[in-house]
Amino acid sequence: MRPPTEFRLGDRIEMRKPHPCGGREWDIVRLGADIGFRCRTCGRRVLLERADAERRVKKFVERGPEA
């Protein structure tokens, strides 16, 4: 079992699959049981369960400030 991924507010991440608008980069705008993402291309906001978000993230493009 893998340790949980540490997400921070302000992280910029790349998802494995592109958004329908064509963008792959997202900003993290909400943390909790669900993770809130905002598409850097079109501005759409989505909420994903933490477990689902951990599977879909390909890599961290830029890390946000530490808490």
PDB file of N, CA and C in Angstrom:
ATOM      1  N   MET A   1       0.841  -1.186   0.000  1.00  0.00           N
ATOM      2  CA  MET A   1       0.000   0.000   0.000  1.00  0.00           C
ATOM      3  C   MET A   1       0.886   1.249   0.000  1.00  0.00           C
ATOM      4  N   ARG A   2       0.572   2.181  -0.878  1.00  0.00           N
ATOM      5  CA  ARG A   2       1.354   3.410  -0.996  1.00  0.00           C
ATOM      6  C   ARG A   2       0.955   4.417   0.073  1.00  0.00           C
ATOM      7  N   PRO A   3       1.903   5.231   0.528  1.00  0.00           N
ATOM      8  CA  PRO A   3       1.531   6.302   1.467  1.00  0.00           C
ATOM      9  C   PRO A   3       0.697   7.351   0.741  1.00  0.00           C
ATOM     10  N   PRO A   4      -0.163   8.082   1.452  1.00  0.00           N
ATOM     11  CA  PRO A   4      -1.000   9.077   0.786  1.00  0.00           C
ATOM     12  C   PRO A   4      -0.154  10.200   0.173  1.00  0.00           C
ATOM     13  N   THR A   5      -0.600  10.709  -0.952  1.00  0.00           N
ATOM     14  CA  THR A   5       0.069  11.817  -1.625  1.00  0.00           C
ATOM     15  C   THR A   5      -0.213  13.101  -0.868  1.00  0.00           C
ATOM     16  N   GLU A   6       0.811  13.914  -0.679  1.00  0.00           N
ATOM     17  CA  GLU A   6       0.631  15.188   0.017  1.00  0.00           C
ATOM     18  C   GLU A   6       0.251  16.264  -0.993  1.00  0.00           C
ATOM     19  N   PHE A   7      -0.983  16.747  -0.888  1.00  0.00           N
ATOM     20  CA  PHE A   7      -1.450  17.843  -1.722  1.00  0.00           C
ATOM     21  C   PHE A   7      -1.377  19.128  -0.920  1.00  0.00           C
ATOM     22  N   ARG A   8      -1.075  20.239  -1.584  1.00  0.00           N
ATOM     23  CA  ARG A   8      -1.053  21.558  -0.944  1.00  0.00           C
ATOM     24  C   ARG A   8      -1.894  22.521  -1.765  1.00  0.00           C
ATOM     25  N   LEU A   9      -2.484  23.504  -1.083  1.00  0.00           N
ATOM     26  CA  LEU A   9      -3.186  24.558  -1.814  1.00  0.00           C
ATOM     27  C   LEU A   9      -2.179  25.273  -2.699  1.00  0.00           C
ATOM     28  N   GLY A  10      -2.557  25.537  -3.929  1.00  0.00           N
ATOM     29  CA  GLY A  10      -1.671  26.235  -4.854  1.00  0.00           C
ATOM     30  C   GLY A  10      -0.802  25.328  -5.696  1.00  0.00           C
ATOM     31  N   ASP A  11      -0.849  24.005  -5.452  1.00  0.00           N
ATOM     32  CA  ASP A  11      -0.092  23.082  -6.307  1.00  0.00           C
ATOM     33  C   ASP A  11      -0.620  23.166  -7.730  1.00  0.00           C
ATOM     34  N   ARG A  12       0.284  23.045  -8.684  1.00  0.00           N
ATOM     35  CA  ARG A  12      -0.115  22.903 -10.088  1.00  0.00           C
ATOM     36  C   ARG A  12       0.250  21.485 -10.475  1.00  0.00           C
ATOM     37  N   ILE A  13      -0.744  20.739 -10.963  1.00  0.00           N
ATOM     38  CA  ILE A  13      -0.522  19.333 -11.283  1.00  0.00           C
ATOM     39  C   ILE A  13      -0.900  19.062 -12.736  1.00  0.00           C
ATOM     40  N   GLU A  14      -0.405  17.934 -13.234  1.00  0.00           N
ATOM     41  CA  GLU A  14      -0.772  17.470 -14.570  1.00  0.00           C
ATOM     42  C   GLU A  14      -1.539  16.172 -14.394  1.00  0.00           C
ATOM     43  N   MET A  15      -2.709  16.082 -15.026  1.00  0.00           N
ATOM     44  CA  MET A  15      -3.528  14.873 -14.957  1.00  0.00           C
ATOM     45  C   MET A  15      -3.111  13.893 -16.052  1.00  0.00           C
ATOM     46  N   ARG A  16      -3.458  12.628 -15.849  1.00  0.00           N
ATOM     47  CA  ARG A  16      -3.129  11.602 -16.836  1.00  0.00           C
ATOM     48  C   ARG A  16      -3.891  11.784 -18.148  1.00  0.00           C
ATOM     49  N   LYS A  17      -5.167  12.152 -18.045  1.00  0.00           N
ATOM     50  CA  LYS A  17      -5.982  12.359 -19.246  1.00  0.00           C
ATOM     51  C   LYS A  17      -6.309  13.842 -19.378  1.00  0.00           C
ATOM     52  N   PRO A  18      -6.389  14.351 -20.600  1.00  0.00           N
ATOM     53  CA  PRO A  18      -6.721  15.779 -20.763  1.00  0.00           C
ATOM     54  C   PRO A  18      -8.194  16.064 -20.473  1.00  0.00           C
ATOM     55  N   HIS A  19      -8.458  17.289 -20.062  1.00  0.00           N
ATOM     56  CA  HIS A  19      -9.819  17.782 -19.881  1.00  0.00           C
ATOM     57  C   HIS A  19     -10.431  17.930 -21.278  1.00  0.00           C
ATOM     58  N   PRO A  20     -11.757  17.889 -21.438  1.00  0.00           N
ATOM     59  CA  PRO A  20     -12.352  18.051 -22.765  1.00  0.00           C
ATOM     60  C   PRO A  20     -11.937  19.338 -23.487  1.00  0.00           C
ATOM     61  N   CYS A  21     -11.531  20.374 -22.737  1.00  0.00           N
ATOM     62  CA  CYS A  21     -11.085  21.615 -23.374  1.00  0.00           C
ATOM     63  C   CYS A  21      -9.674  21.471 -23.948  1.00  0.00           C
ATOM     64  N   GLY A  22      -8.983  20.378 -23.615  1.00  0.00           N
ATOM     65  CA  GLY A  22      -7.640  20.136 -24.121  1.00  0.00           C
ATOM     66  C   GLY A  22      -6.550  20.374 -23.093  1.00  0.00           C
ATOM     67  N   GLY A  23      -6.890  20.993 -21.957  1.00  0.00           N
ATOM     68  CA  GLY A  23      -5.886  21.291 -20.936  1.00  0.00           C
ATOM     69  C   GLY A  23      -5.558  20.086 -20.079  1.00  0.00           C
ATOM     70  N   ARG A  24      -4.305  20.009 -19.644  1.00  0.00           N
ATOM     71  CA  ARG A  24      -3.870  18.931 -18.752  1.00  0.00           C
ATOM     72  C   ARG A  24      -3.462  19.467 -17.386  1.00  0.00           C
ATOM     73  N   GLU A  25      -3.203  20.778 -17.272  1.00  0.00           N
ATOM     74  CA  GLU A  25      -2.729  21.343 -16.013  1.00  0.00           C
ATOM     75  C   GLU A  25      -3.879  21.910 -15.192  1.00  0.00           C
ATOM     76  N   TRP A  26      -3.810  21.641 -13.886  1.00  0.00           N
ATOM     77  CA  TRP A  26      -4.841  22.057 -12.942  1.00  0.00           C
ATOM     78  C   TRP A  26      -4.196  22.678 -11.714  1.00  0.00           C
ATOM     79  N   ASP A  27      -4.898  23.609 -11.071  1.00  0.00           N
ATOM     80  CA  ASP A  27      -4.484  24.175  -9.790  1.00  0.00           C
ATOM     81  C   ASP A  27      -5.347  23.560  -8.699  1.00  0.00           C
ATOM     82  N   ILE A  28      -4.760  23.291  -7.545  1.00  0.00           N
ATOM     83  CA  ILE A  28      -5.522  22.789  -6.404  1.00  0.00           C
ATOM     84  C   ILE A  28      -6.054  23.992  -5.637  1.00  0.00           C
ATOM     85  N   VAL A  29      -7.381  24.046  -5.479  1.00  0.00           N
ATOM     86  CA  VAL A  29      -8.024  25.202  -4.845  1.00  0.00           C
ATOM     87  C   VAL A  29      -8.773  24.839  -3.569  1.00  0.00           C
ATOM     88  N   ARG A  30      -8.879  23.546  -3.236  1.00  0.00           N
ATOM     89  CA  ARG A  30      -9.597  23.121  -2.034  1.00  0.00           C
ATOM     90  C   ARG A  30      -9.030  21.789  -1.565  1.00  0.00           C
ATOM     91  N   LEU A  31      -8.848  21.666  -0.248  1.00  0.00           N
ATOM     92  CA  LEU A  31      -8.363  20.415   0.332  1.00  0.00           C
ATOM     93  C   LEU A  31      -9.336  19.927   1.384  1.00  0.00           C
ATOM     94  N   GLY A  32      -9.423  18.639   1.549  1.00  0.00           N
ATOM     95  CA  GLY A  32     -10.308  18.012   2.525  1.00  0.00           C
ATOM     96  C   GLY A  32     -10.505  16.566   2.101  1.00  0.00           C
ATOM     97  N   ALA A  33     -11.666  16.003   2.425  1.00  0.00           N
ATOM     98  CA  ALA A  33     -11.980  14.654   1.968  1.00  0.00           C
ATOM     99  C   ALA A  33     -12.045  14.633   0.441  1.00  0.00           C
ATOM    100  N   ASP A  34     -12.498  15.742  -0.141  1.00  0.00           N
ATOM    101  CA  ASP A  34     -12.498  15.936  -1.590  1.00  0.00           C
ATOM    102  C   ASP A  34     -11.445  16.984  -1.925  1.00  0.00           C
ATOM    103  N   ILE A  35     -10.844  16.856  -3.098  1.00  0.00           N
ATOM    104  CA  ILE A  35      -9.845  17.821  -3.560  1.00  0.00           C
ATOM    105  C   ILE A  35     -10.488  18.652  -4.667  1.00  0.00           C
ATOM    106  N   GLY A  36     -10.378  19.964  -4.573  1.00  0.00           N
ATOM    107  CA  GLY A  36     -10.926  20.865  -5.589  1.00  0.00           C
ATOM    108  C   GLY A  36      -9.847  21.266  -6.581  1.00  0.00           C
ATOM    109  N   PHE A  37     -10.154  21.139  -7.862  1.00  0.00           N
ATOM    110  CA  PHE A  37      -9.223  21.494  -8.936  1.00  0.00           C
ATOM    111  C   PHE A  37      -9.845  22.562  -9.825  1.00  0.00           C
ATOM    112  N   ARG A  38      -8.986  23.438 -10.379  1.00  0.00           N
ATOM    113  CA  ARG A  38      -9.424  24.433 -11.358  1.00  0.00           C
ATOM    114  C   ARG A  38      -8.554  24.264 -12.592  1.00  0.00           C
ATOM    115  N   CYS A  39      -9.196  24.076 -13.749  1.00  0.00           N
ATOM    116  CA  CYS A  39      -8.488  23.887 -15.013  1.00  0.00           C
ATOM    117  C   CYS A  39      -7.773  25.184 -15.388  1.00  0.00           C
ATOM    118  N   ARG A  40      -6.494  25.094 -15.759  1.00  0.00           N
ATOM    119  CA  ARG A  40      -5.718  26.277 -16.116  1.00  0.00           C
ATOM    120  C   ARG A  40      -6.074  26.784 -17.506  1.00  0.00           C
ATOM    121  N   THR A  41      -6.742  25.973 -18.324  1.00  0.00           N
ATOM    122  CA  THR A  41      -7.092  26.376 -19.675  1.00  0.00           C
ATOM    123  C   THR A  41      -8.446  27.078 -19.736  1.00  0.00           C
ATOM    124  N   CYS A  42      -9.482  26.453 -19.149  1.00  0.00           N
ATOM    125  CA  CYS A  42     -10.833  27.004 -19.281  1.00  0.00           C
ATOM    126  C   CYS A  42     -11.414  27.540 -17.979  1.00  0.00           C
ATOM    127  N   GLY A  43     -10.780  27.244 -16.829  1.00  0.00           N
ATOM    128  CA  GLY A  43     -11.257  27.756 -15.557  1.00  0.00           C
ATOM    129  C   GLY A  43     -12.324  26.912 -14.876  1.00  0.00           C
ATOM    130  N   ARG A  44     -12.707  25.788 -15.463  1.00  0.00           N
ATOM    131  CA  ARG A  44     -13.724  24.913 -14.874  1.00  0.00           C
ATOM    132  C   ARG A  44     -13.228  24.363 -13.547  1.00  0.00           C
ATOM    133  N   ARG A  45     -14.108  24.293 -12.553  1.00  0.00           N
ATOM    134  CA  ARG A  45     -13.756  23.738 -11.247  1.00  0.00           C
ATOM    135  C   ARG A  45     -14.426  22.386 -11.075  1.00  0.00           C
ATOM    136  N   VAL A  46     -13.681  21.421 -10.538  1.00  0.00           N
ATOM    137  CA  VAL A  46     -14.218  20.088 -10.269  1.00  0.00           C
ATOM    138  C   VAL A  46     -13.764  19.632  -8.890  1.00  0.00           C
ATOM    139  N   LEU A  47     -14.545  18.748  -8.278  1.00  0.00           N
ATOM    140  CA  LEU A  47     -14.201  18.115  -7.007  1.00  0.00           C
ATOM    141  C   LEU A  47     -14.007  16.623  -7.257  1.00  0.00           C
ATOM    142  N   LEU A  48     -12.911  16.084  -6.750  1.00  0.00           N
ATOM    143  CA  LEU A  48     -12.657  14.649  -6.844  1.00  0.00           C
ATOM    144  C   LEU A  48     -12.382  14.112  -5.451  1.00  0.00           C
ATOM    145  N   GLU A  49     -12.833  12.891  -5.192  1.00  0.00           N
ATOM    146  CA  GLU A  49     -12.484  12.244  -3.933  1.00  0.00           C
ATOM    147  C   GLU A  49     -10.973  12.092  -3.884  1.00  0.00           C
ATOM    148  N   ARG A  50     -10.420  12.152  -2.693  1.00  0.00           N
ATOM    149  CA  ARG A  50      -8.958  12.110  -2.522  1.00  0.00           C
ATOM    150  C   ARG A  50      -8.353  10.868  -3.185  1.00  0.00           C
ATOM    151  N   ALA A  51      -8.947   9.700  -2.987  1.00  0.00           N
ATOM    152  CA  ALA A  51      -8.408   8.464  -3.568  1.00  0.00           C
ATOM    153  C   ALA A  51      -8.410   8.528  -5.090  1.00  0.00           C
ATOM    154  N   ASP A  52      -9.478   9.074  -5.665  1.00  0.00           N
ATOM    155  CA  ASP A  52      -9.580   9.206  -7.121  1.00  0.00           C
ATOM    156  C   ASP A  52      -8.551  10.221  -7.626  1.00  0.00           C
ATOM    157  N   ALA A  53      -8.385  11.314  -6.907  1.00  0.00           N
ATOM    158  CA  ALA A  53      -7.415  12.342  -7.300  1.00  0.00           C
ATOM    159  C   ALA A  53      -5.997  11.772  -7.298  1.00  0.00           C
ATOM    160  N   GLU A  54      -5.659  10.972  -6.292  1.00  0.00           N
ATOM    161  CA  GLU A  54      -4.318  10.384  -6.225  1.00  0.00           C
ATOM    162  C   GLU A  54      -4.040   9.493  -7.428  1.00  0.00           C
ATOM    163  N   ARG A  55      -5.041   8.780  -7.907  1.00  0.00           N
ATOM    164  CA  ARG A  55      -4.865   7.914  -9.080  1.00  0.00           C
ATOM    165  C   ARG A  55      -4.713   8.717 -10.363  1.00  0.00           C
ATOM    166  N   ARG A  56      -5.424   9.835 -10.474  1.00  0.00           N
ATOM    167  CA  ARG A  56      -5.447  10.594 -11.725  1.00  0.00           C
ATOM    168  C   ARG A  56      -4.275  11.541 -11.928  1.00  0.00           C
ATOM    169  N   VAL A  57      -3.587  11.904 -10.844  1.00  0.00           N
ATOM    170  CA  VAL A  57      -2.468  12.840 -10.961  1.00  0.00           C
ATOM    171  C   VAL A  57      -1.272  12.138 -11.591  1.00  0.00           C
ATOM    172  N   LYS A  58      -0.723  12.758 -12.626  1.00  0.00           N
ATOM    173  CA  LYS A  58       0.459  12.210 -13.295  1.00  0.00           C
ATOM    174  C   LYS A  58       1.722  12.751 -12.641  1.00  0.00           C
ATOM    175  N   LYS A  59       1.797  14.080 -12.452  1.00  0.00           N
ATOM    176  CA  LYS A  59       2.974  14.671 -11.829  1.00  0.00           C
ATOM    177  C   LYS A  59       2.651  16.059 -11.296  1.00  0.00           C
ATOM    178  N   PHE A  60       3.498  16.532 -10.413  1.00  0.00           N
ATOM    179  CA  PHE A  60       3.402  17.895  -9.890  1.00  0.00           C
ATOM    180  C   PHE A  60       4.255  18.794 -10.776  1.00  0.00           C
ATOM    181  N   VAL A  61       3.640  19.813 -11.368  1.00  0.00           N
ATOM    182  CA  VAL A  61       4.361  20.762 -12.206  1.00  0.00           C
ATOM    183  C   VAL A  61       5.027  21.814 -11.323  1.00  0.00           C
ATOM    184  N   GLU A  62       4.291  22.268 -10.302  1.00  0.00           N
ATOM    185  CA  GLU A  62       4.790  23.287  -9.372  1.00  0.00           C
ATOM    186  C   GLU A  62       4.145  23.044  -8.024  1.00  0.00           C
ATOM    187  N   ARG A  63       4.927  23.148  -6.957  1.00  0.00           N
ATOM    188  CA  ARG A  63       4.392  22.929  -5.607  1.00  0.00           C
ATOM    189  C   ARG A  63       3.986  24.250  -4.983  1.00  0.00           C
ATOM    190  N   GLY A  64       2.873  24.225  -4.246  1.00  0.00           N
ATOM    191  CA  GLY A  64       2.407  25.381  -3.511  1.00  0.00           C
ATOM    192  C   GLY A  64       3.207  25.555  -2.222  1.00  0.00           C
ATOM    193  N   PRO A  65       2.951  26.639  -1.496  1.00  0.00           N
ATOM    194  CA  PRO A  65       3.673  26.864  -0.245  1.00  0.00           C
ATOM    195  C   PRO A  65       3.318  25.816   0.807  1.00  0.00           C
ATOM    196  N   GLU A  66       4.284  25.482   1.670  1.00  0.00           N
ATOM    197  CA  GLU A  66       4.021  24.531   2.748  1.00  0.00           C
ATOM    198  C   GLU A  66       3.152  25.186   3.804  1.00  0.00           C
ATOM    199  N   ALA A  67       2.327  24.388   4.463  1.00  0.00           N
ATOM    200  CA  ALA A  67       1.400  24.919   5.470  1.00  0.00           C
ATOM    201  C   ALA A  67       2.114  25.371   6.717  1.00  0.00           C
TER     202      ALA A  67
END
